[in-house]
Amino acid sequence: MDHNIVPAEYRPISAWGYVGYSLLYSIPLVGLIFLLVHTFSNKKINRRNYARSYWCWLIIGLIIIAIFFVLYFFGIIDAGVLEEAISVAETL
């Protein structure tokens, strides 16, 4: 594909670009700032959409964590279940 034909804001991000953005967004405070800037930026549409999808995954993760806390708080699951789930996850 000739990159001169495609406008700059529509140029695709390389696979290493996605890896780099994932690493950048995972830095605690700096990543949050860049994530907010990229979410509301119109300079690169693909980067903006990736930042928005990263927010979606963060929200899904927070919902799952909140569900576990609620289940633990009401005594539906106990620490033994959580330890077993962690040990299973570590084997993966």
PDB file of N, CA and C in Angstrom:
ATOM      1  N   MET A   1       0.843  -1.171   0.000  1.00  0.00           N
ATOM      2  CA  MET A   1       0.000   0.000   0.000  1.00  0.00           C
ATOM      3  C   MET A   1       0.888   1.234   0.000  1.00  0.00           C
ATOM      4  N   ASP A   2       0.546   2.175  -0.823  1.00  0.00           N
ATOM      5  CA  ASP A   2       1.300   3.420  -0.897  1.00  0.00           C
ATOM      6  C   ASP A   2       0.820   4.365   0.193  1.00  0.00           C
ATOM      7  N   HIS A   3       1.706   4.702   1.123  1.00  0.00           N
ATOM      8  CA  HIS A   3       1.328   5.541   2.262  1.00  0.00           C
ATOM      9  C   HIS A   3       1.119   6.996   1.877  1.00  0.00           C
ATOM     10  N   ASN A   4       1.535   7.385   0.669  1.00  0.00           N
ATOM     11  CA  ASN A   4       1.347   8.769   0.254  1.00  0.00           C
ATOM     12  C   ASN A   4      -0.102   9.044  -0.140  1.00  0.00           C
ATOM     13  N   ILE A   5      -0.841   8.000  -0.506  1.00  0.00           N
ATOM     14  CA  ILE A   5      -2.229   8.174  -0.928  1.00  0.00           C
ATOM     15  C   ILE A   5      -3.145   8.333   0.280  1.00  0.00           C
ATOM     16  N   VAL A   6      -2.857   7.578   1.337  1.00  0.00           N
ATOM     17  CA  VAL A   6      -3.693   7.591   2.532  1.00  0.00           C
ATOM     18  C   VAL A   6      -3.377   8.836   3.361  1.00  0.00           C
ATOM     19  N   PRO A   7      -4.392   9.597   3.758  1.00  0.00           N
ATOM     20  CA  PRO A   7      -4.130  10.761   4.626  1.00  0.00           C
ATOM     21  C   PRO A   7      -3.498  10.336   5.949  1.00  0.00           C
ATOM     22  N   ALA A   8      -2.754  11.218   6.548  1.00  0.00           N
ATOM     23  CA  ALA A   8      -1.991  10.899   7.764  1.00  0.00           C
ATOM     24  C   ALA A   8      -2.889  10.423   8.896  1.00  0.00           C
ATOM     25  N   GLU A   9      -4.082  11.000   9.031  1.00  0.00           N
ATOM     26  CA  GLU A   9      -4.934  10.606  10.151  1.00  0.00           C
ATOM     27  C   GLU A   9      -5.545   9.220   9.990  1.00  0.00           C
ATOM     28  N   TYR A  10      -5.476   8.651   8.771  1.00  0.00           N
ATOM     29  CA  TYR A  10      -6.030   7.320   8.530  1.00  0.00           C
ATOM     30  C   TYR A  10      -4.967   6.248   8.346  1.00  0.00           C
ATOM     31  N   ARG A  11      -3.699   6.592   8.483  1.00  0.00           N
ATOM     32  CA  ARG A  11      -2.642   5.596   8.306  1.00  0.00           C
ATOM     33  C   ARG A  11      -2.729   4.535   9.395  1.00  0.00           C
ATOM     34  N   PRO A  12      -2.563   3.267   9.012  1.00  0.00           N
ATOM     35  CA  PRO A  12      -2.680   2.198  10.017  1.00  0.00           C
ATOM     36  C   PRO A  12      -1.506   2.184  10.983  1.00  0.00           C
ATOM     37  N   ILE A  13      -1.766   1.604  12.143  1.00  0.00           N
ATOM     38  CA  ILE A  13      -0.732   1.441  13.157  1.00  0.00           C
ATOM     39  C   ILE A  13      -0.117   0.059  12.959  1.00  0.00           C
ATOM     40  N   SER A  14       1.200  -0.028  13.060  1.00  0.00           N
ATOM     41  CA  SER A  14       1.862  -1.325  12.921  1.00  0.00           C
ATOM     42  C   SER A  14       1.616  -2.178  14.158  1.00  0.00           C
ATOM     43  N   ALA A  15       1.938  -3.455  14.061  1.00  0.00           N
ATOM     44  CA  ALA A  15       1.770  -4.356  15.207  1.00  0.00           C
ATOM     45  C   ALA A  15       2.634  -3.902  16.378  1.00  0.00           C
ATOM     46  N   TRP A  16       3.851  -3.451  16.087  1.00  0.00           N
ATOM     47  CA  TRP A  16       4.729  -2.964  17.164  1.00  0.00           C
ATOM     48  C   TRP A  16       4.199  -1.662  17.745  1.00  0.00           C
ATOM     49  N   GLY A  17       3.477  -0.906  16.937  1.00  0.00           N
ATOM     50  CA  GLY A  17       2.844   0.303  17.456  1.00  0.00           C
ATOM     51  C   GLY A  17       1.805  -0.023  18.514  1.00  0.00           C
ATOM     52  N   TYR A  18       1.015  -1.070  18.262  1.00  0.00           N
ATOM     53  CA  TYR A  18       0.023  -1.488  19.258  1.00  0.00           C
ATOM     54  C   TYR A  18       0.701  -1.977  20.535  1.00  0.00           C
ATOM     55  N   VAL A  19       1.808  -2.705  20.385  1.00  0.00           N
ATOM     56  CA  VAL A  19       2.550  -3.163  21.562  1.00  0.00           C
ATOM     57  C   VAL A  19       3.072  -1.964  22.348  1.00  0.00           C
ATOM     58  N   GLY A  20       3.620  -0.991  21.636  1.00  0.00           N
ATOM     59  CA  GLY A  20       4.149   0.201  22.287  1.00  0.00           C
ATOM     60  C   GLY A  20       3.071   1.000  23.001  1.00  0.00           C
ATOM     61  N   TYR A  21       1.920   1.156  22.353  1.00  0.00           N
ATOM     62  CA  TYR A  21       0.830   1.878  23.003  1.00  0.00           C
ATOM     63  C   TYR A  21       0.317   1.115  24.226  1.00  0.00           C
ATOM     64  N   SER A  22       0.269  -0.212  24.146  1.00  0.00           N
ATOM     65  CA  SER A  22      -0.164  -1.002  25.305  1.00  0.00           C
ATOM     66  C   SER A  22       0.792  -0.810  26.477  1.00  0.00           C
ATOM     67  N   LEU A  23       2.085  -0.825  26.189  1.00  0.00           N
ATOM     68  CA  LEU A  23       3.068  -0.596  27.247  1.00  0.00           C
ATOM     69  C   LEU A  23       2.962   0.822  27.803  1.00  0.00           C
ATOM     70  N   LEU A  24       2.767   1.786  26.924  1.00  0.00           N
ATOM     71  CA  LEU A  24       2.641   3.182  27.359  1.00  0.00           C
ATOM     72  C   LEU A  24       1.414   3.362  28.245  1.00  0.00           C
ATOM     73  N   TYR A  25       0.292   2.781  27.848  1.00  0.00           N
ATOM     74  CA  TYR A  25      -0.942   2.942  28.619  1.00  0.00           C
ATOM     75  C   TYR A  25      -0.893   2.203  29.947  1.00  0.00           C
ATOM     76  N   SER A  26      -0.013   1.244  30.091  1.00  0.00           N
ATOM     77  CA  SER A  26       0.042   0.480  31.339  1.00  0.00           C
ATOM     78  C   SER A  26       0.909   1.163  32.405  1.00  0.00           C
ATOM     79  N   ILE A  27       1.612   2.235  32.072  1.00  0.00           N
ATOM     80  CA  ILE A  27       2.367   3.001  33.065  1.00  0.00           C
ATOM     81  C   ILE A  27       1.356   3.755  33.923  1.00  0.00           C
ATOM     82  N   PRO A  28       1.446   3.662  35.248  1.00  0.00           N
ATOM     83  CA  PRO A  28       0.366   4.155  36.105  1.00  0.00           C
ATOM     84  C   PRO A  28      -0.159   5.564  35.828  1.00  0.00           C
ATOM     85  N   LEU A  29       0.573   6.611  36.016  1.00  0.00           N
ATOM     86  CA  LEU A  29       0.005   7.946  35.861  1.00  0.00           C
ATOM     87  C   LEU A  29       0.222   8.506  34.452  1.00  0.00           C
ATOM     88  N   VAL A  30       1.397   8.298  33.925  1.00  0.00           N
ATOM     89  CA  VAL A  30       1.721   8.791  32.580  1.00  0.00           C
ATOM     90  C   VAL A  30       0.821   8.120  31.549  1.00  0.00           C
ATOM     91  N   GLY A  31       0.601   6.818  31.713  1.00  0.00           N
ATOM     92  CA  GLY A  31      -0.246   6.089  30.783  1.00  0.00           C
ATOM     93  C   GLY A  31      -1.672   6.591  30.787  1.00  0.00           C
ATOM     94  N   LEU A  32      -2.172   6.940  31.961  1.00  0.00           N
ATOM     95  CA  LEU A  32      -3.530   7.469  32.053  1.00  0.00           C
ATOM     96  C   LEU A  32      -3.649   8.807  31.328  1.00  0.00           C
ATOM     97  N   ILE A  33      -2.631   9.639  31.470  1.00  0.00           N
ATOM     98  CA  ILE A  33      -2.647  10.938  30.789  1.00  0.00           C
ATOM     99  C   ILE A  33      -2.617  10.747  29.277  1.00  0.00           C
ATOM    100  N   PHE A  34      -1.709   9.888  28.789  1.00  0.00           N
ATOM    101  CA  PHE A  34      -1.639   9.632  27.354  1.00  0.00           C
ATOM    102  C   PHE A  34      -2.911   8.978  26.847  1.00  0.00           C
ATOM    103  N   LEU A  35      -3.490   8.104  27.644  1.00  0.00           N
ATOM    104  CA  LEU A  35      -4.728   7.445  27.247  1.00  0.00           C
ATOM    105  C   LEU A  35      -5.851   8.465  27.079  1.00  0.00           C
ATOM    106  N   LEU A  36      -5.945   9.402  27.992  1.00  0.00           N
ATOM    107  CA  LEU A  36      -6.956  10.454  27.866  1.00  0.00           C
ATOM    108  C   LEU A  36      -6.707  11.336  26.647  1.00  0.00           C
ATOM    109  N   VAL A  37      -5.445  11.711  26.430  1.00  0.00           N
ATOM    110  CA  VAL A  37      -5.112  12.565  25.282  1.00  0.00           C
ATOM    111  C   VAL A  37      -5.420  11.846  23.979  1.00  0.00           C
ATOM    112  N   HIS A  38      -5.021  10.584  23.874  1.00  0.00           N
ATOM    113  CA  HIS A  38      -5.257   9.838  22.641  1.00  0.00           C
ATOM    114  C   HIS A  38      -6.729   9.520  22.435  1.00  0.00           C
ATOM    115  N   THR A  39      -7.491   9.380  23.509  1.00  0.00           N
ATOM    116  CA  THR A  39      -8.916   9.096  23.385  1.00  0.00           C
ATOM    117  C   THR A  39      -9.666  10.258  22.745  1.00  0.00           C
ATOM    118  N   PHE A  40      -9.273  11.478  23.062  1.00  0.00           N
ATOM    119  CA  PHE A  40      -9.991  12.646  22.559  1.00  0.00           C
ATOM    120  C   PHE A  40      -9.283  13.352  21.402  1.00  0.00           C
ATOM    121  N   SER A  41      -8.191  12.770  20.913  1.00  0.00           N
ATOM    122  CA  SER A  41      -7.439  13.370  19.816  1.00  0.00           C
ATOM    123  C   SER A  41      -8.031  12.960  18.469  1.00  0.00           C
ATOM    124  N   ASN A  42      -7.948  13.842  17.491  1.00  0.00           N
ATOM    125  CA  ASN A  42      -8.417  13.539  16.139  1.00  0.00           C
ATOM    126  C   ASN A  42      -7.271  13.451  15.140  1.00  0.00           C
ATOM    127  N   LYS A  43      -6.015  13.473  15.630  1.00  0.00           N
ATOM    128  CA  LYS A  43      -4.888  13.455  14.705  1.00  0.00           C
ATOM    129  C   LYS A  43      -4.742  12.112  14.003  1.00  0.00           C
ATOM    130  N   LYS A  44      -4.895  11.026  14.737  1.00  0.00           N
ATOM    131  CA  LYS A  44      -4.808   9.681  14.150  1.00  0.00           C
ATOM    132  C   LYS A  44      -6.029   8.893  14.603  1.00  0.00           C
ATOM    133  N   ILE A  45      -6.870   8.559  13.655  1.00  0.00           N
ATOM    134  CA  ILE A  45      -8.133   7.892  13.956  1.00  0.00           C
ATOM    135  C   ILE A  45      -7.897   6.499  14.532  1.00  0.00           C
ATOM    136  N   ASN A  46      -6.933   5.756  13.987  1.00  0.00           N
ATOM    137  CA  ASN A  46      -6.671   4.395  14.475  1.00  0.00           C
ATOM    138  C   ASN A  46      -6.158   4.406  15.912  1.00  0.00           C
ATOM    139  N   ARG A  47      -5.311   5.365  16.239  1.00  0.00           N
ATOM    140  CA  ARG A  47      -4.812   5.476  17.618  1.00  0.00           C
ATOM    141  C   ARG A  47      -5.946   5.850  18.564  1.00  0.00           C
ATOM    142  N   ARG A  48      -6.820   6.752  18.138  1.00  0.00           N
ATOM    143  CA  ARG A  48      -7.960   7.141  18.960  1.00  0.00           C
ATOM    144  C   ARG A  48      -8.877   5.946  19.221  1.00  0.00           C
ATOM    145  N   ASN A  49      -9.151   5.155  18.185  1.00  0.00           N
ATOM    146  CA  ASN A  49     -10.015   3.992  18.357  1.00  0.00           C
ATOM    147  C   ASN A  49      -9.364   2.946  19.256  1.00  0.00           C
ATOM    148  N   TYR A  50      -8.044   2.781  19.146  1.00  0.00           N
ATOM    149  CA  TYR A  50      -7.367   1.831  20.029  1.00  0.00           C
ATOM    150  C   TYR A  50      -7.421   2.302  21.481  1.00  0.00           C
ATOM    151  N   ALA A  51      -7.251   3.600  21.701  1.00  0.00           N
ATOM    152  CA  ALA A  51      -7.336   4.137  23.065  1.00  0.00           C
ATOM    153  C   ALA A  51      -8.745   3.928  23.629  1.00  0.00           C
ATOM    154  N   ARG A  52      -9.751   4.096  22.804  1.00  0.00           N
ATOM    155  CA  ARG A  52     -11.122   3.870  23.263  1.00  0.00           C
ATOM    156  C   ARG A  52     -11.365   2.403  23.577  1.00  0.00           C
ATOM    157  N   SER A  53     -10.802   1.512  22.775  1.00  0.00           N
ATOM    158  CA  SER A  53     -10.970   0.079  23.069  1.00  0.00           C
ATOM    159  C   SER A  53     -10.215  -0.302  24.341  1.00  0.00           C
ATOM    160  N   TYR A  54      -9.092   0.365  24.601  1.00  0.00           N
ATOM    161  CA  TYR A  54      -8.360   0.121  25.845  1.00  0.00           C
ATOM    162  C   TYR A  54      -9.216   0.506  27.046  1.00  0.00           C
ATOM    163  N   TRP A  55      -9.950   1.633  26.946  1.00  0.00           N
ATOM    164  CA  TRP A  55     -10.883   2.022  28.009  1.00  0.00           C
ATOM    165  C   TRP A  55     -11.939   0.944  28.225  1.00  0.00           C
ATOM    166  N   CYS A  56     -12.455   0.382  27.126  1.00  0.00           N
ATOM    167  CA  CYS A  56     -13.477  -0.665  27.247  1.00  0.00           C
ATOM    168  C   CYS A  56     -12.934  -1.855  28.025  1.00  0.00           C
ATOM    169  N   TRP A  57     -11.706  -2.276  27.727  1.00  0.00           N
ATOM    170  CA  TRP A  57     -11.116  -3.405  28.460  1.00  0.00           C
ATOM    171  C   TRP A  57     -10.873  -3.063  29.920  1.00  0.00           C
ATOM    172  N   LEU A  58     -10.470  -1.832  30.203  1.00  0.00           N
ATOM    173  CA  LEU A  58     -10.294  -1.414  31.594  1.00  0.00           C
ATOM    174  C   LEU A  58     -11.616  -1.468  32.361  1.00  0.00           C
ATOM    175  N   ILE A  59     -12.678  -1.016  31.733  1.00  0.00           N
ATOM    176  CA  ILE A  59     -13.987  -1.025  32.380  1.00  0.00           C
ATOM    177  C   ILE A  59     -14.464  -2.452  32.617  1.00  0.00           C
ATOM    178  N   ILE A  60     -14.262  -3.328  31.631  1.00  0.00           N
ATOM    179  CA  ILE A  60     -14.647  -4.734  31.800  1.00  0.00           C
ATOM    180  C   ILE A  60     -13.872  -5.359  32.955  1.00  0.00           C
ATOM    181  N   GLY A  61     -12.575  -5.082  33.039  1.00  0.00           N
ATOM    182  CA  GLY A  61     -11.758  -5.599  34.142  1.00  0.00           C
ATOM    183  C   GLY A  61     -12.220  -5.087  35.493  1.00  0.00           C
ATOM    184  N   LEU A  62     -12.552  -3.809  35.563  1.00  0.00           N
ATOM    185  CA  LEU A  62     -13.035  -3.238  36.820  1.00  0.00           C
ATOM    186  C   LEU A  62     -14.380  -3.837  37.230  1.00  0.00           C
ATOM    187  N   ILE A  63     -15.239  -4.104  36.270  1.00  0.00           N
ATOM    188  CA  ILE A  63     -16.526  -4.734  36.579  1.00  0.00           C
ATOM    189  C   ILE A  63     -16.320  -6.139  37.132  1.00  0.00           C
ATOM    190  N   ILE A  64     -15.410  -6.896  36.534  1.00  0.00           N
ATOM    191  CA  ILE A  64     -15.128  -8.253  37.021  1.00  0.00           C
ATOM    192  C   ILE A  64     -14.560  -8.209  38.439  1.00  0.00           C
ATOM    193  N   ILE A  65     -13.643  -7.290  38.689  1.00  0.00           N
ATOM    194  CA  ILE A  65     -13.079  -7.147  40.037  1.00  0.00           C
ATOM    195  C   ILE A  65     -14.159  -6.746  41.038  1.00  0.00           C
ATOM    196  N   ALA A  66     -15.043  -5.833  40.638  1.00  0.00           N
ATOM    197  CA  ALA A  66     -16.128  -5.401  41.528  1.00  0.00           C
ATOM    198  C   ALA A  66     -17.063  -6.567  41.847  1.00  0.00           C
ATOM    199  N   ILE A  67     -17.340  -7.410  40.870  1.00  0.00           N
ATOM    200  CA  ILE A  67     -18.193  -8.582  41.103  1.00  0.00           C
ATOM    201  C   ILE A  67     -17.555  -9.500  42.130  1.00  0.00           C
ATOM    202  N   PHE A  68     -16.255  -9.750  42.000  1.00  0.00           N
ATOM    203  CA  PHE A  68     -15.567 -10.605  42.972  1.00  0.00           C
ATOM    204  C   PHE A  68     -15.599  -9.995  44.380  1.00  0.00           C
ATOM    205  N   PHE A  69     -15.405  -8.678  44.477  1.00  0.00           N
ATOM    206  CA  PHE A  69     -15.461  -8.036  45.792  1.00  0.00           C
ATOM    207  C   PHE A  69     -16.852  -8.151  46.416  1.00  0.00           C
ATOM    208  N   VAL A  70     -17.889  -7.959  45.617  1.00  0.00           N
ATOM    209  CA  VAL A  70     -19.254  -8.065  46.133  1.00  0.00           C
ATOM    210  C   VAL A  70     -19.538  -9.493  46.580  1.00  0.00           C
ATOM    211  N   LEU A  71     -19.128 -10.471  45.760  1.00  0.00           N
ATOM    212  CA  LEU A  71     -19.344 -11.874  46.132  1.00  0.00           C
ATOM    213  C   LEU A  71     -18.575 -12.229  47.401  1.00  0.00           C
ATOM    214  N   TYR A  72     -17.380 -11.702  47.538  1.00  0.00           N
ATOM    215  CA  TYR A  72     -16.580 -11.956  48.735  1.00  0.00           C
ATOM    216  C   TYR A  72     -17.192 -11.260  49.958  1.00  0.00           C
ATOM    217  N   PHE A  73     -17.681 -10.040  49.767  1.00  0.00           N
ATOM    218  CA  PHE A  73     -18.254  -9.282  50.866  1.00  0.00           C
ATOM    219  C   PHE A  73     -19.502  -9.964  51.428  1.00  0.00           C
ATOM    220  N   PHE A  74     -20.335 -10.505  50.546  1.00  0.00           N
ATOM    221  CA  PHE A  74     -21.559 -11.162  50.993  1.00  0.00           C
ATOM    222  C   PHE A  74     -21.344 -12.623  51.363  1.00  0.00           C
ATOM    223  N   GLY A  75     -20.122 -13.090  51.322  1.00  0.00           N
ATOM    224  CA  GLY A  75     -19.804 -14.438  51.765  1.00  0.00           C
ATOM    225  C   GLY A  75     -20.151 -15.534  50.782  1.00  0.00           C
ATOM    226  N   ILE A  76     -20.434 -15.202  49.553  1.00  0.00           N
ATOM    227  CA  ILE A  76     -20.758 -16.212  48.552  1.00  0.00           C
ATOM    228  C   ILE A  76     -19.507 -16.986  48.165  1.00  0.00           C
ATOM    229  N   ILE A  77     -18.386 -16.287  48.090  1.00  0.00           N
ATOM    230  CA  ILE A  77     -17.102 -16.960  47.902  1.00  0.00           C
ATOM    231  C   ILE A  77     -16.207 -16.577  49.074  1.00  0.00           C
ATOM    232  N   ASP A  78     -15.256 -17.449  49.382  1.00  0.00           N
ATOM    233  CA  ASP A  78     -14.348 -17.157  50.488  1.00  0.00           C
ATOM    234  C   ASP A  78     -12.918 -17.109  49.970  1.00  0.00           C
ATOM    235  N   ALA A  79     -11.988 -16.913  50.864  1.00  0.00           N
ATOM    236  CA  ALA A  79     -10.583 -16.753  50.479  1.00  0.00           C
ATOM    237  C   ALA A  79     -10.042 -18.021  49.834  1.00  0.00           C
ATOM    238  N   GLY A  80     -10.549 -19.183  50.218  1.00  0.00           N
ATOM    239  CA  GLY A  80     -10.085 -20.439  49.624  1.00  0.00           C
ATOM    240  C   GLY A  80     -10.385 -20.506  48.138  1.00  0.00           C
ATOM    241  N   VAL A  81     -11.543 -20.037  47.746  1.00  0.00           N
ATOM    242  CA  VAL A  81     -11.909 -20.022  46.330  1.00  0.00           C
ATOM    243  C   VAL A  81     -11.007 -19.064  45.567  1.00  0.00           C
ATOM    244  N   LEU A  82     -10.737 -17.906  46.162  1.00  0.00           N
ATOM    245  CA  LEU A  82      -9.865 -16.933  45.501  1.00  0.00           C
ATOM    246  C   LEU A  82      -8.440 -17.471  45.373  1.00  0.00           C
ATOM    247  N   GLU A  83      -7.938 -18.126  46.405  1.00  0.00           N
ATOM    248  CA  GLU A  83      -6.585 -18.697  46.337  1.00  0.00           C
ATOM    249  C   GLU A  83      -6.519 -19.781  45.273  1.00  0.00           C
ATOM    250  N   GLU A  84      -7.572 -20.588  45.163  1.00  0.00           N
ATOM    251  CA  GLU A  84      -7.594 -21.633  44.147  1.00  0.00           C
ATOM    252  C   GLU A  84      -7.630 -21.029  42.745  1.00  0.00           C
ATOM    253  N   ALA A  85      -8.411 -19.956  42.561  1.00  0.00           N
ATOM    254  CA  ALA A  85      -8.474 -19.295  41.264  1.00  0.00           C
ATOM    255  C   ALA A  85      -7.140 -18.680  40.899  1.00  0.00           C
ATOM    256  N   ILE A  86      -6.456 -18.111  41.872  1.00  0.00           N
ATOM    257  CA  ILE A  86      -5.131 -17.524  41.616  1.00  0.00           C
ATOM    258  C   ILE A  86      -4.123 -18.603  41.248  1.00  0.00           C
ATOM    259  N   SER A  87      -4.165 -19.731  41.936  1.00  0.00           N
ATOM    260  CA  SER A  87      -3.226 -20.818  41.624  1.00  0.00           C
ATOM    261  C   SER A  87      -3.491 -21.389  40.240  1.00  0.00           C
ATOM    262  N   VAL A  88      -4.761 -21.460  39.837  1.00  0.00           N
ATOM    263  CA  VAL A  88      -5.080 -21.925  38.490  1.00  0.00           C
ATOM    264  C   VAL A  88      -4.592 -20.927  37.459  1.00  0.00           C
ATOM    265  N   ALA A  89      -4.762 -19.647  37.748  1.00  0.00           N
ATOM    266  CA  ALA A  89      -4.313 -18.609  36.814  1.00  0.00           C
ATOM    267  C   ALA A  89      -2.798 -18.594  36.692  1.00  0.00           C
ATOM    268  N   GLU A  90      -2.084 -18.889  37.751  1.00  0.00           N
ATOM    269  CA  GLU A  90      -0.615 -18.899  37.698  1.00  0.00           C
ATOM    270  C   GLU A  90      -0.095 -20.056  36.863  1.00  0.00           C
ATOM    271  N   THR A  91      -0.837 -21.146  36.784  1.00  0.00           N
ATOM    272  CA  THR A  91      -0.392 -22.279  35.968  1.00  0.00           C
ATOM    273  C   THR A  91      -0.565 -22.028  34.487  1.00  0.00           C
ATOM    274  N   LEU A  92      -1.395 -21.059  34.138  1.00  0.00           N
ATOM    275  CA  LEU A  92      -1.589 -20.738  32.724  1.00  0.00           C
ATOM    276  C   LEU A  92      -0.419 -19.990  32.262  1.00  0.00           C
TER     277      LEU A  92
END
